[in-house]
Amino acid sequence: MRLDKWLKLSRVIKRRTVANEVCDQGRVEINGRPAKASTEVKAGDRLVIRFGSKTSSLTVLSVPEKPVSAQAASELYQLDGEEKEKAES
């Protein structure tokens, strides 16, 4: 499944167009490598997503074949950690 679609279905990012833009801006990495929106996601992949001053790290647990409920969406990934970057003065 495409990265932008997985981010939307898992509800990590609210809209697919926003997920597409975030990927195109180079703010998403899969297994330590910059990822485009069209990159295929599979179970076991580690994602790092940078939102402004916050960095989220998560592990993909499963990739659904069809849309899932909001409750099931949180079971598609495991949050490894969140960090806030310090502003440099």
Protein backbone atom coordinates (compact mmCIF):
# COMPACT_ATOMS: atom_id res chain seq x y z
CA MET A 1 0.00 0.00 0.00
CA ARG A 2 1.22 3.51 -0.78
CA LEU A 3 2.67 5.49 2.13
CA ASP A 4 0.26 8.42 1.78
CA LYS A 5 -2.75 6.08 1.76
CA TRP A 6 -1.47 4.15 4.80
CA LEU A 7 -0.90 7.40 6.75
CA LYS A 8 -4.52 8.38 6.02
CA LEU A 9 -6.06 4.95 6.81
CA SER A 10 -4.10 4.66 10.05
CA ARG A 11 -5.24 8.19 10.94
CA VAL A 12 -1.68 9.32 11.64
CA ILE A 13 -2.41 12.18 9.20
CA LYS A 14 -5.97 13.36 8.74
CA ARG A 15 -6.11 13.83 4.96
CA ARG A 16 -4.38 12.01 2.11
CA THR A 17 -3.48 15.27 0.35
CA VAL A 18 -1.72 16.47 3.51
CA ALA A 19 0.07 13.11 3.80
CA ASN A 20 1.15 13.46 0.17
CA GLU A 21 2.53 16.98 0.80
CA VAL A 22 4.39 15.89 3.95
CA CYS A 23 6.05 13.06 2.01
CA ASP A 24 6.95 15.32 -0.91
CA GLN A 25 8.60 17.78 1.50
CA GLY A 26 10.92 15.03 2.73
CA ARG A 27 9.53 14.92 6.26
CA VAL A 28 8.85 11.16 6.29
CA GLU A 29 11.49 8.42 6.46
CA ILE A 30 10.99 4.67 6.15
CA ASN A 31 13.73 2.56 7.72
CA GLY A 32 16.07 5.58 7.79
CA ARG A 33 15.58 6.57 4.14
CA PRO A 34 13.54 9.53 2.84
CA ALA A 35 10.24 8.28 1.42
CA LYS A 36 7.98 9.58 -1.31
CA ALA A 37 4.19 9.31 -1.14
CA SER A 38 4.25 6.40 -3.59
CA THR A 39 6.65 4.28 -1.51
CA GLU A 40 5.17 0.91 -0.56
CA VAL A 41 4.62 0.32 3.17
CA LYS A 42 4.77 -3.14 4.71
CA ALA A 43 4.50 -4.57 8.22
CA GLY A 44 7.69 -4.11 10.22
CA ASP A 45 8.70 -0.81 8.60
CA ARG A 46 9.88 1.97 10.94
CA LEU A 47 8.56 5.43 10.11
CA VAL A 48 9.89 8.75 11.34
CA ILE A 49 7.59 11.72 10.71
CA ARG A 50 8.51 15.35 11.40
CA PHE A 51 5.59 17.71 12.11
CA GLY A 52 6.90 21.21 12.76
CA SER A 53 8.94 20.93 15.96
CA LYS A 54 7.69 17.43 16.81
CA THR A 55 9.19 14.15 15.57
CA SER A 56 7.17 10.93 15.83
CA SER A 57 8.66 7.48 15.45
CA LEU A 58 6.39 4.49 14.85
CA THR A 59 6.49 0.89 13.70
CA VAL A 60 3.98 -0.43 11.14
CA LEU A 61 2.22 -3.49 12.59
CA SER A 62 -0.14 -4.22 9.70
CA VAL A 63 -1.30 -2.92 6.34
CA PRO A 64 -5.07 -3.21 5.78
CA GLU A 65 -6.51 -4.08 2.39
CA LYS A 66 -9.59 -1.91 2.94
CA PRO A 67 -10.55 1.02 5.20
CA VAL A 68 -10.76 0.27 8.92
CA SER A 69 -12.69 1.74 11.83
CA ALA A 70 -11.19 4.44 14.04
CA GLN A 71 -10.65 1.91 16.84
CA ALA A 72 -8.90 -0.56 14.53
CA ALA A 73 -6.76 2.23 13.00
CA SER A 74 -4.78 2.65 16.22
CA GLU A 75 -3.83 -1.05 16.04
CA LEU A 76 -2.09 -0.60 12.67
CA TYR A 77 1.02 0.90 14.28
CA GLN A 78 2.96 1.14 17.51
CA LEU A 79 4.21 4.55 18.61
CA ASP A 80 7.90 4.23 19.49
CA GLY A 81 8.31 7.78 20.75
CA GLU A 82 7.77 11.47 20.26
CA GLU A 83 10.37 14.15 20.68
CA LYS A 84 10.16 17.90 20.55
CA GLU A 85 13.09 19.54 18.87
CA LYS A 86 14.67 22.40 20.75
CA ALA A 87 14.66 25.72 18.98
CA GLU A 88 18.18 26.89 18.26
CA SER A 89 18.92 30.45 19.35
